[in-house]
Protein backbone atom coordinates (compact mmCIF):
# COMPACT_ATOMS: atom_id res chain seq x y z
CA MET A 1 0.07 -0.12 0.16
CA SER A 2 1.53 3.26 -0.85
CA ARG A 3 1.77 6.03 1.50
CA LEU A 4 -0.91 8.16 -0.22
CA LEU A 5 -3.31 5.37 -0.05
CA ARG A 6 -2.27 4.74 3.73
CA LEU A 7 -3.05 8.63 4.30
CA LEU A 8 -6.60 8.57 2.59
CA VAL A 9 -7.50 5.39 4.62
CA VAL A 10 -6.57 7.04 7.91
CA LEU A 11 -8.51 10.42 6.52
CA GLY A 12 -11.35 9.22 4.78
CA PRO A 13 -13.35 7.56 7.90
CA LEU A 14 -13.18 11.19 9.69
CA ALA A 15 -14.94 12.93 6.78
CA VAL A 16 -17.74 11.03 6.45
CA PRO A 17 -19.04 11.78 10.06
CA SER A 18 -18.87 15.47 9.61
CA VAL A 19 -21.33 15.19 6.74
CA ALA A 20 -23.51 12.93 8.81
CA LEU A 21 -23.25 15.30 11.68
CA ALA A 22 -24.14 18.56 9.67
CA GLN A 23 -27.20 16.42 8.09
CA GLN A 24 -28.41 15.71 11.60
CA ASP A 25 -28.03 19.01 12.96
CA VAL A 26 -30.10 20.34 9.84
CA GLY A 27 -32.75 17.46 10.89
CA THR A 28 -32.53 18.78 14.58
CA TYR A 29 -33.30 22.15 13.76
CA ASN A 30 -36.08 21.16 11.23
CA ARG A 31 -37.63 19.12 14.08
CA ALA A 32 -37.14 22.05 16.63
CA LEU A 33 -38.63 24.38 14.09
CA SER A 34 -41.50 22.40 13.66
CA ALA A 35 -42.23 21.74 17.25
CA PHE A 36 -41.90 25.64 17.85
CA ASN A 37 -44.48 26.64 15.13
CA GLU A 38 -46.89 23.87 16.56
CA GLY A 39 -46.74 25.26 19.92
CA LYS A 40 -44.98 22.22 21.21
CA LEU A 41 -42.22 24.52 23.20
CA ASP A 42 -41.32 22.17 25.59
CA THR A 43 -39.80 20.20 22.80
CA ALA A 44 -38.35 22.96 20.87
CA ALA A 45 -36.40 24.57 23.47
CA PRO A 46 -33.94 21.83 24.52
CA LEU A 47 -33.56 21.17 20.72
CA PHE A 48 -32.42 24.88 19.91
CA ALA A 49 -30.31 24.99 23.09
CA ARG A 50 -28.41 22.09 21.76
CA LEU A 51 -27.89 23.53 18.37
CA ALA A 52 -26.99 26.75 19.83
CA GLU A 53 -23.85 25.39 21.26
CA GLY A 54 -22.80 23.80 17.83
CA GLU A 55 -20.24 25.10 15.20
CA ASP A 56 -22.64 25.93 12.19
CA ALA A 57 -22.51 29.36 12.44
CA ASP A 58 -26.01 29.73 10.48
CA LEU A 59 -27.96 27.09 12.71
CA LYS A 60 -26.38 28.28 15.81
CA GLY A 61 -27.60 32.13 14.95
CA LYS A 62 -31.00 30.85 13.94
CA SER A 63 -31.39 28.64 17.29
CA GLU A 64 -30.14 31.22 19.49
CA PHE A 65 -32.88 33.54 18.49
CA TYR A 66 -35.32 31.00 18.32
CA LEU A 67 -34.65 29.57 21.57
CA ALA A 68 -35.09 33.19 23.20
CA GLN A 69 -38.58 33.32 21.16
CA THR A 70 -39.66 29.87 22.92
CA PHE A 71 -38.68 31.26 26.31
CA ALA A 72 -40.79 34.26 25.63
CA LYS A 73 -43.61 32.35 24.19
CA LYS A 74 -43.45 30.11 27.37
CA ASP A 75 -44.00 33.41 29.62
CA LEU A 76 -40.23 33.00 30.74
CA PRO A 77 -39.22 36.82 30.01
CA VAL A 78 -36.05 36.66 32.09
CA ALA A 79 -34.61 33.58 30.46
CA ALA A 80 -35.67 35.17 27.10
CA PHE A 81 -34.10 38.55 27.93
CA ILE A 82 -30.68 36.42 28.73
CA SER A 83 -30.76 34.95 25.22
CA TYR A 84 -31.45 37.94 23.52
CA ALA A 85 -28.81 39.93 25.59
CA GLU A 86 -26.21 37.27 24.56
CA ILE A 87 -27.20 37.95 20.92
CA VAL A 88 -26.96 41.55 21.18
CA ASN A 89 -23.71 41.40 22.65
CA ALA A 90 -22.47 39.34 20.00
CA GLY A 91 -22.63 42.31 17.99
CA PRO A 92 -24.23 43.36 14.63
CA ARG A 93 -22.73 40.59 12.55
CA HIS A 94 -25.13 38.04 14.25
CA PRO A 95 -27.92 37.05 11.69
CA SER A 96 -30.68 37.81 14.39
CA TYR A 97 -29.00 41.01 15.65
CA LEU A 98 -31.74 43.45 14.98
CA LYS A 99 -34.56 40.88 15.82
CA ALA A 100 -32.79 40.22 19.15
CA ILE A 101 -32.85 44.00 19.87
CA GLU A 102 -36.77 44.10 19.09
CA GLY A 103 -37.10 41.25 21.63
CA LEU A 104 -34.85 42.49 24.46
CA VAL A 105 -36.96 45.80 24.44
CA ASP A 106 -39.86 43.67 24.43
CA MET A 107 -39.12 41.70 27.57
CA GLN A 108 -37.94 45.17 29.23
CA GLN A 109 -41.56 46.07 28.72
CA ARG A 110 -42.80 42.68 30.14
CA LEU A 111 -40.60 42.83 32.93
CA ASP A 112 -40.29 46.62 33.58
CA GLU A 113 -36.68 45.94 34.32
CA GLN A 114 -34.86 49.33 34.76
CA ASN A 115 -31.38 48.37 35.64
CA LEU A 116 -29.89 45.75 33.36
CA ILE A 117 -31.63 45.98 30.21
CA PRO A 118 -31.03 49.80 29.77
CA SER A 119 -27.34 49.15 30.67
CA ILE A 120 -26.98 46.46 27.87
CA LEU A 121 -28.48 48.71 25.39
CA ASN A 122 -26.64 51.75 26.49
CA GLN A 123 -23.41 49.61 25.76
CA ALA A 124 -24.57 48.48 22.57
CA TYR A 125 -25.75 51.61 21.02
CA THR A 126 -22.74 52.64 19.49
CA ASP A 127 -21.66 54.85 16.41
CA GLU A 128 -20.95 51.73 14.40
CA VAL A 129 -24.66 50.35 14.88
CA ARG A 130 -26.61 53.59 14.59
CA ASP A 131 -27.48 53.41 10.81
CA GLN A 132 -28.72 49.84 11.36
CA TRP A 133 -30.90 50.56 14.69
CA VAL A 134 -32.93 53.38 12.63
CA THR A 135 -34.19 50.65 10.51
CA LEU A 136 -36.06 49.17 13.47
CA PRO A 137 -39.66 49.83 14.01
CA LYS A 138 -40.36 52.99 15.36
CA GLU A 139 -41.95 52.25 18.71
CA VAL A 140 -38.97 49.98 19.39
CA LEU A 141 -36.75 52.89 18.56
CA ALA A 142 -38.56 55.35 20.58
CA ARG A 143 -38.15 53.02 23.78
CA ILE A 144 -34.59 52.49 23.00
CA ASN A 145 -34.12 55.93 22.96
CA TYR A 146 -35.83 56.65 26.08
CA LEU A 147 -33.99 53.71 27.95
CA VAL A 148 -30.74 54.62 26.70
CA GLY A 149 -31.39 58.29 27.57
CA THR A 150 -32.34 57.24 31.01
CA ALA A 151 -28.91 55.17 31.36
CA SER A 152 -26.96 58.38 30.11
CA GLN A 153 -28.73 60.73 32.50
CA ARG A 154 -27.71 58.30 35.49
CA ARG A 155 -24.15 58.51 34.25
CA MET A 156 -24.46 62.18 34.08
CA ARG A 157 -24.01 62.47 30.23
CA PHE A 158 -26.43 65.10 29.85
CA GLU A 159 -26.12 66.36 26.54
CA GLU A 160 -26.34 62.72 25.21
CA SER A 161 -29.33 62.17 27.26
CA ARG A 162 -30.84 65.33 25.97
CA SER A 163 -30.45 64.40 22.33
CA LEU A 164 -32.04 60.75 22.79
CA LEU A 165 -35.05 62.19 24.94
CA GLU A 166 -35.84 64.57 22.22
CA ALA A 167 -35.69 61.89 19.41
CA VAL A 168 -38.84 60.22 21.19
CA PRO A 169 -41.87 61.29 19.09
CA ALA A 170 -45.19 62.23 20.50
CA ASP A 171 -46.94 59.27 19.20
CA SER A 172 -44.94 56.92 21.13
CA ARG A 173 -46.21 55.20 24.42
CA VAL A 174 -43.25 56.39 26.24
CA TYR A 175 -43.45 60.14 25.19
CA ALA A 176 -44.73 61.33 28.44
CA LYS A 177 -42.09 59.57 30.52
CA ALA A 178 -39.27 60.94 27.99
CA ARG A 179 -40.60 64.33 28.43
CA TYR A 180 -40.57 64.18 32.05
CA LEU A 181 -36.92 62.82 32.26
CA LEU A 182 -35.91 65.79 29.37
CA GLY A 183 -37.30 68.21 31.81
CA THR A 184 -35.44 66.70 34.79
CA VAL A 185 -31.91 66.62 32.62
CA LEU A 186 -32.76 70.44 31.39
CA ALA A 187 -33.37 71.50 35.04
CA ASP A 188 -30.31 69.80 36.39
CA PRO A 189 -28.01 72.29 38.02
CA ARG A 190 -24.84 70.27 36.47
CA PHE A 191 -26.38 70.37 32.95
CA PRO A 192 -23.60 71.88 30.69
CA GLY A 193 -24.13 75.64 29.91
CA ARG A 194 -25.44 76.62 33.44
CA PRO A 195 -25.76 79.32 34.94
CA GLY A 196 -25.07 81.43 31.72
CA GLU A 197 -27.99 79.60 29.83
CA GLY A 198 -29.98 78.86 32.85
CA GLU A 199 -32.99 80.90 31.70
CA THR A 200 -33.39 79.21 28.59
CA LEU A 201 -32.77 75.55 29.92
CA ASP A 202 -35.58 76.38 32.75
CA LYS A 203 -37.97 77.45 30.03
CA GLU A 204 -37.14 74.29 28.14
CA ALA A 205 -37.62 72.31 31.31
CA ILE A 206 -41.03 73.86 32.29
CA ALA A 207 -42.10 73.23 28.87
CA ALA A 208 -41.40 69.43 28.64
CA PHE A 209 -43.22 69.16 32.23
CA GLN A 210 -46.17 70.88 30.73
CA ALA A 211 -46.12 68.62 27.73
CA VAL A 212 -46.32 65.48 30.27
CA LEU A 213 -49.60 67.25 31.57
CA HIS A 214 -51.15 67.64 28.34
CA THR A 215 -50.06 64.20 27.22
CA LYS A 216 -53.29 61.80 26.71
CA GLU A 217 -53.42 58.23 27.08
CA PRO A 218 -52.43 55.66 25.99
CA GLN A 219 -49.14 56.01 27.70
CA VAL A 220 -46.88 53.99 29.90
CA GLU A 221 -47.82 54.75 33.56
CA LEU A 222 -49.07 58.30 32.69
CA PRO A 223 -50.71 58.80 36.02
CA GLU A 224 -47.50 58.63 38.17
CA THR A 225 -45.59 60.39 35.58
CA ARG A 226 -47.87 63.46 35.69
CA GLU A 227 -47.59 63.55 39.51
CA LEU A 228 -43.60 63.44 39.19
CA ALA A 229 -44.04 66.16 36.33
CA LEU A 230 -45.87 68.35 38.66
CA LEU A 231 -43.34 67.78 41.34
CA ALA A 232 -40.64 68.64 39.23
CA LEU A 233 -42.61 71.80 37.92
CA GLY A 234 -42.80 72.86 41.70
CA ARG A 235 -38.87 72.27 42.16
CA VAL A 236 -38.23 74.31 38.87
CA HIS A 237 -40.27 77.40 40.23
CA TYR A 238 -39.22 77.07 43.88
CA ARG A 239 -35.50 77.35 42.67
CA ARG A 240 -36.45 80.12 40.50
CA GLY A 241 -37.98 82.15 43.35
CA GLU A 242 -41.38 81.73 42.02
CA TYR A 243 -43.15 80.68 45.09
CA ALA A 244 -46.82 81.11 43.99
CA ASP A 245 -46.00 78.76 40.95
CA ALA A 246 -44.48 76.29 42.62
CA VAL A 247 -47.57 75.99 45.25
CA LYS A 248 -49.78 75.77 42.41
CA ALA A 249 -47.61 72.76 41.06
CA TYR A 250 -47.65 70.76 44.25
CA GLU A 251 -51.18 71.37 44.97
CA GLY A 252 -51.77 69.96 41.53
CA VAL A 253 -50.65 66.39 43.02
CA PRO A 254 -53.82 64.29 43.61
CA ARG A 255 -54.91 63.68 47.21
CA TYR A 256 -53.57 60.39 48.21
CA ALA A 257 -51.77 59.73 45.24
CA ARG A 258 -48.39 57.98 45.45
CA PHE A 259 -46.27 61.16 45.82
CA TRP A 260 -48.89 63.32 47.59
CA ASP A 261 -46.98 63.33 50.88
CA GLN A 262 -43.69 64.61 49.17
CA ALA A 263 -45.85 67.17 47.48
CA LEU A 264 -47.18 68.46 50.89
CA PHE A 265 -43.95 68.60 52.24
CA GLU A 266 -42.49 70.51 49.28
CA ASN A 267 -45.49 72.70 49.46
CA GLY A 268 -44.71 73.38 52.99
CA PHE A 269 -41.37 75.14 51.93
CA ALA A 270 -42.75 77.15 49.09
CA ARG A 271 -45.59 78.09 51.09
CA PHE A 272 -43.35 79.32 53.84
CA GLN A 273 -41.04 81.26 51.05
CA ASN A 274 -44.29 82.76 50.07
CA GLU A 275 -44.79 84.14 53.51
CA ASP A 276 -47.79 82.09 53.79
CA PHE A 277 -46.90 80.66 57.29
CA GLY A 278 -50.40 79.84 57.99
CA GLY A 279 -50.63 77.76 54.74
CA ALA A 280 -47.19 76.01 55.44
CA LEU A 281 -48.41 74.80 58.69
CA GLY A 282 -51.41 73.46 57.09
CA SER A 283 -49.50 71.31 54.72
CA LEU A 284 -47.39 70.18 57.68
CA GLN A 285 -50.39 69.35 59.41
CA ALA A 286 -51.74 67.09 56.73
CA LEU A 287 -48.28 65.41 56.50
CA HIS A 288 -48.37 64.54 60.02
CA ALA A 289 -51.77 62.95 59.98
CA PRO A 290 -51.93 59.40 61.37
CA GLN A 291 -52.61 58.57 57.67
CA PHE A 292 -48.90 59.29 57.34
CA GLU A 293 -47.56 57.81 60.18
CA GLY A 294 -44.98 55.60 58.34
CA ALA A 295 -43.77 58.51 56.31
CA PHE A 296 -40.02 59.33 56.59
CA GLN A 297 -40.01 63.25 56.55
CA PRO A 298 -37.63 64.34 59.31
CA GLU A 299 -37.05 67.69 57.47
CA SER A 300 -40.86 68.42 57.85
CA TRP A 301 -40.50 69.08 61.60
CA ILE A 302 -37.54 71.31 61.00
CA LEU A 303 -39.38 73.44 58.78
CA LYS A 304 -42.56 73.30 61.17
CA SER A 305 -40.22 74.73 64.17
CA THR A 306 -38.64 77.39 61.61
CA VAL A 307 -42.17 78.79 60.86
CA TYR A 308 -42.95 79.05 64.33
CA TYR A 309 -39.38 80.65 65.00
CA TYR A 310 -40.00 83.18 62.24
CA SER A 311 -43.27 83.96 64.07
CA CYS A 312 -41.28 84.15 67.63
CA LEU A 313 -43.73 81.56 68.79
CA TYR A 314 -40.95 80.01 70.94
CA ASP A 315 -42.93 77.41 72.86
CA GLU A 316 -44.35 75.80 69.75
CA VAL A 317 -40.68 76.07 68.51
CA LYS A 318 -39.41 73.94 71.47
CA THR A 319 -42.64 71.36 71.41
CA THR A 320 -41.95 70.98 67.79
CA LEU A 321 -38.28 70.03 68.43
CA ALA A 322 -39.27 68.00 71.15
CA ALA A 323 -41.67 65.84 68.71
CA PHE A 324 -38.81 65.61 66.53
CA ASP A 325 -36.36 63.98 68.89
CA GLU A 326 -39.13 61.71 70.24
CA ARG A 327 -39.71 60.37 66.92
CA TYR A 328 -36.40 60.44 64.90
CA GLY A 329 -33.94 60.33 67.72
CA PRO A 330 -34.08 56.65 68.33
CA MET A 331 -34.12 56.01 64.50
CA ALA A 332 -30.85 57.35 64.18
CA LYS A 333 -29.32 55.05 67.06
CA GLN A 334 -31.12 52.08 65.05
CA LEU A 335 -29.33 52.66 61.67
CA GLU A 336 -25.90 53.35 63.03
CA PRO A 337 -25.18 49.48 62.80
CA PHE A 338 -26.21 49.36 59.26
CA THR A 339 -24.27 52.37 58.05
CA GLY A 340 -20.62 51.14 58.15
CA GLU A 341 -18.51 50.15 55.30
CA ASP A 342 -17.89 46.66 56.37
CA VAL A 343 -21.90 46.37 55.59
CA ALA A 344 -21.95 44.06 52.40
CA PRO A 345 -24.38 45.15 49.91
CA ILE A 346 -26.39 41.89 49.80
CA ASN A 347 -26.99 42.10 53.49
CA ALA A 348 -28.22 45.58 53.03
CA PHE A 349 -30.40 44.44 50.50
CA ASN A 350 -31.68 41.66 52.61
CA LEU A 351 -32.77 44.19 55.22
CA VAL A 352 -34.79 46.04 52.96
CA ALA A 353 -36.16 42.89 51.02
CA SER A 354 -37.10 40.61 53.91
CA GLU A 355 -39.91 41.30 56.67
CA ASN A 356 -38.76 44.25 58.37
CA ARG A 357 -37.48 43.29 62.07
CA ARG A 358 -34.26 45.64 62.52
CA LEU A 359 -34.77 48.96 60.22
CA PRO A 360 -36.65 51.66 61.63
CA ARG A 361 -40.37 51.25 60.01
CA ALA A 362 -40.51 54.74 58.41
CA VAL A 363 -36.80 54.28 56.89
CA TYR A 364 -37.66 50.59 55.84
CA LEU A 365 -40.84 52.12 53.84
CA TRP A 366 -39.01 54.92 52.63
CA ILE A 367 -36.17 52.57 50.95
CA ARG A 368 -38.67 50.36 49.78
CA ASN A 369 -40.52 52.88 48.21
CA ASN A 370 -37.64 53.54 45.90
CA GLU A 371 -38.63 52.83 42.22
CA ARG A 372 -35.29 51.14 41.45
CA ILE A 373 -35.42 48.89 44.58
CA ARG A 374 -39.04 48.03 43.77
CA GLU A 375 -38.05 47.07 40.17
CA VAL A 376 -35.20 45.16 41.58
CA MET A 377 -37.25 43.28 43.95
CA ARG A 378 -40.06 42.56 41.38
CA THR A 379 -37.25 40.94 38.79
CA LEU A 380 -35.76 39.10 41.58
CA SER A 381 -39.43 37.61 42.40
CA ARG A 382 -39.69 36.67 38.63
CA VAL A 383 -36.35 34.98 38.53
CA ASP A 384 -36.93 32.78 41.27
CA GLN A 385 -40.53 32.06 39.65
CA GLU A 386 -38.99 31.11 36.49
CA LYS A 387 -36.11 28.95 38.35
CA ARG A 388 -38.97 26.90 39.89
CA ALA A 389 -41.05 26.53 36.63
CA ILE A 390 -37.84 25.11 35.13
CA SER A 391 -36.65 22.81 37.66
CA GLU A 392 -39.87 21.34 38.56
CA GLY A 393 -41.53 21.36 34.95
CA PRO A 394 -40.91 19.19 31.68
CA TRP A 395 -37.27 19.81 31.74
CA LYS A 396 -36.76 18.90 35.37
CA GLY A 397 -33.34 16.87 35.78
CA THR A 398 -32.21 17.45 32.16
CA PRO A 399 -28.87 19.21 31.51
CA PHE A 400 -31.01 21.91 29.67
CA ALA A 401 -32.82 22.73 32.67
CA ALA A 402 -29.42 22.97 34.68
CA GLN A 403 -27.87 25.13 32.15
CA THR A 404 -31.04 27.60 32.24
CA VAL A 405 -31.28 27.87 35.83
CA ALA A 406 -27.56 28.39 36.00
CA SER A 407 -27.86 31.35 33.92
CA LEU A 408 -30.86 32.69 35.76
CA GLU A 409 -28.79 32.32 39.06
CA ASP A 410 -26.02 34.77 37.39
CA ILE A 411 -28.60 37.28 36.75
CA ARG A 412 -29.90 36.90 40.23
CA THR A 413 -26.60 37.44 41.69
CA THR A 414 -26.03 40.58 39.60
CA LEU A 415 -29.54 41.98 40.51
CA LEU A 416 -28.53 41.46 44.41
CA GLN A 417 -25.75 43.33 43.77
CA VAL A 418 -27.46 46.12 42.05
CA GLY A 419 -30.08 46.06 44.71
CA GLY A 420 -27.59 45.86 47.41
CA THR A 421 -25.72 49.03 46.36
CA LEU A 422 -29.01 50.83 46.06
CA ALA A 423 -30.02 49.83 49.47
CA LYS A 424 -26.78 50.58 51.21
CA ASN A 425 -26.72 53.93 49.55
CA ARG A 426 -30.49 54.65 50.63
CA ILE A 427 -29.82 53.73 54.27
CA LYS A 428 -26.38 55.71 54.53
CA GLU A 429 -28.79 58.65 52.82
CA ALA A 430 -31.04 58.19 55.76
CA ALA A 431 -28.62 58.20 58.38
CA ASP A 432 -26.90 61.13 57.22
CA ASN A 433 -30.63 63.05 56.82
CA LEU A 434 -31.21 62.43 60.32
CA ARG A 435 -27.69 63.61 61.45
CA THR A 436 -27.95 66.83 59.55
CA PHE A 437 -31.55 67.64 60.52
CA SER A 438 -30.58 66.61 64.12
CA ASP A 439 -27.61 69.41 63.83
CA GLN A 440 -29.98 71.92 62.43
CA ALA A 441 -32.89 71.20 65.29
CA GLU A 442 -29.74 71.93 68.06
CA ILE A 443 -28.85 75.24 65.94
CA ILE A 444 -32.77 76.41 66.18
CA ARG A 445 -32.90 75.33 69.71
CA VAL A 446 -29.83 77.47 70.83
CA GLN A 447 -30.87 80.63 68.51
CA THR A 448 -34.30 80.42 70.29
CA ALA A 449 -32.92 80.02 73.83
CA LEU A 450 -30.75 83.34 72.87
CA ASP A 451 -33.74 85.36 71.27
CA GLU A 452 -35.76 84.53 74.51
CA LYS A 453 -33.04 85.81 76.50
CA ASP A 454 -32.89 89.13 74.46
CA LEU A 455 -36.49 89.43 74.82
CA PHE A 456 -36.33 89.09 78.63
CA SER A 457 -33.45 91.53 78.82
CA GLU A 458 -35.48 94.16 76.82
CA GLY A 459 -38.12 93.74 79.22
CA VAL A 460 -40.70 92.43 76.86
CA ASP A 461 -43.82 90.77 78.28
CA GLN A 462 -44.42 88.29 75.33
CA LYS A 463 -47.21 86.52 76.86
CA ALA A 464 -49.17 89.88 77.03
CA LEU A 465 -47.96 90.69 73.58
CA LEU A 466 -49.74 87.35 72.46
CA SER A 467 -52.80 87.62 74.57
CA ARG A 468 -53.74 91.40 72.91
CA GLN A 469 -53.96 89.60 69.64
CA THR A 470 -56.97 87.97 67.93
CA LEU A 471 -57.06 84.88 65.70
CA TYR A 472 -59.34 85.42 62.72
CA ARG A 473 -60.73 82.76 60.63
CA PRO A 474 -58.59 81.82 57.30
CA LYS A 475 -59.91 83.53 54.11
CA MET A 476 -62.14 81.22 52.20
CA PRO A 477 -60.85 80.03 48.81
CA GLY A 478 -64.61 80.28 47.36
CA ALA A 479 -68.05 79.99 47.87
CA ALA A 480 -68.16 76.32 47.65
CA TRP A 481 -65.71 76.13 50.76
CA ASN A 482 -66.94 75.73 54.43
CA TYR A 483 -64.94 76.50 57.46
CA TRP A 484 -64.58 73.59 60.18
CA ARG A 485 -62.22 74.45 63.43
CA PHE A 486 -59.66 71.53 64.06
CA GLN A 487 -60.37 69.88 67.00
CA GLY A 488 -57.99 67.21 67.60
CA GLU A 489 -59.13 64.75 65.05
CA PHE A 490 -58.09 63.99 61.35
CA TRP A 491 -61.16 63.47 58.99
CA ILE A 492 -60.18 61.80 56.05
CA ASP A 493 -62.05 64.53 53.53
CA GLU A 494 -60.40 67.31 55.65
CA ILE A 495 -56.82 66.08 55.23
CA GLY A 496 -54.95 68.29 52.81
CA TYR A 497 -57.01 71.47 53.13
CA TYR A 498 -55.65 72.79 56.45
CA GLN A 499 -54.97 76.40 56.89
CA TYR A 500 -53.55 77.79 60.07
CA THR A 501 -53.79 81.39 61.35
CA LEU A 502 -50.81 82.41 63.53
CA LYS A 503 -50.21 85.37 66.11
CA ARG A 504 -46.88 86.91 65.98
CA GLY A 505 -44.62 86.74 68.96
CA CYS A 506 -42.15 89.07 67.67
CA PRO A 507 -42.36 92.90 69.27
CA ALA A 508 -42.41 95.63 66.85
CA ARG A 509 -39.02 97.17 66.08
CA GLN A 510 -38.84 101.09 66.06
CA GLU A 511 -37.02 102.35 63.24
CA LYS A 512 -33.88 104.22 63.87
């Protein structure tokens, strides 16, 4: 036998299985695709997963996409998001690249996932692919611009965020959310061009918030977005010293809506700055009603004592500060063990995610009400739900189930890190706030004592001064309003409509 013949004998048998394997993969793909089209998803998914690990680039690309589609149809959106993300991360050469982007945006909407998917889209949205992305369906591109704009805003890339958010058209279902975020970006003190272009930027921000208020359904989360726009509008007017306009915006937030307590608090500041001391105390009276017992608003008591201080009502100042100390003093001590650098983020998240046993209730509720933490908790719950469905379902005990569960566990670990960082920062923010406002309370307390001493030294009889004054009923806003004197009971239909009338304990100063 010649050397060449011996070589053919050795090589020949190796080539035949390769052809057979390719034919077998095509057959497997056809079976998987038929099962997919017939709705037999439990059969299709493991077959697509096997082909996705193969070497045939064409079959591999198609199978990766159909695997993601199968997960989506089986109501496993997190598993689908993982598969779509792998295709997107592979880059524009993947045959299903643009379809995977559409799928990823769809899963973001189904999950309302605000942390991982926007970051993935942000990293993928490069100059290299922009010309391809503009061919996506109009609504998909609008959502991408909004999500990537959100990621840019968090990274303080404000001009980039502005450009993306302005590209969201008015007929998109995320238009209102994009306008709200655009206004927030433009009003941010760190936006390039301030303070020189501040007037123009403020007007554009106000116009963006007004656009939200005039947007009609269908929109994603329009009622809450309108509430946020009213709060943001109030903040812009407040910063500009337009306190009457700020009051109008804050009072536009519906009673008992999600952000009403925040509106009451900020309205108290706006009314105070507008020299409506009775109105400021009225907003705070509502905020301190039993219905808001779980609210974390330490600064509201500082504001209340400040209003009394400016009216020289020193007994009321001391009573208010005592109430602040009684309510928030113990909270500061409770938070001390959880604010050190050695506290692991996951431990911080577990404090917030589990049934509360260690954090002050008001702080616990305040942290859990943070939208990004709420989103992490929702997605984690969905991950655990999908892990159970895969581990206990038709794929139980298969390598495919083990691989899919492992991918879900990786996402779970990432989400815990994200949620832990957010929770740890939020706990520290609460502790810092308590420390700051405790210091402010002490300053007011000392200044009150000094002013009382000055009045005594000047021979001013403050009690006689106050006794000579008369309290009048507040002015009625209109003919449809009635006056009821508050007698210590909080009625649900009265909360939010309180108005104080105050005496003034400051002696008249003679002009020199």
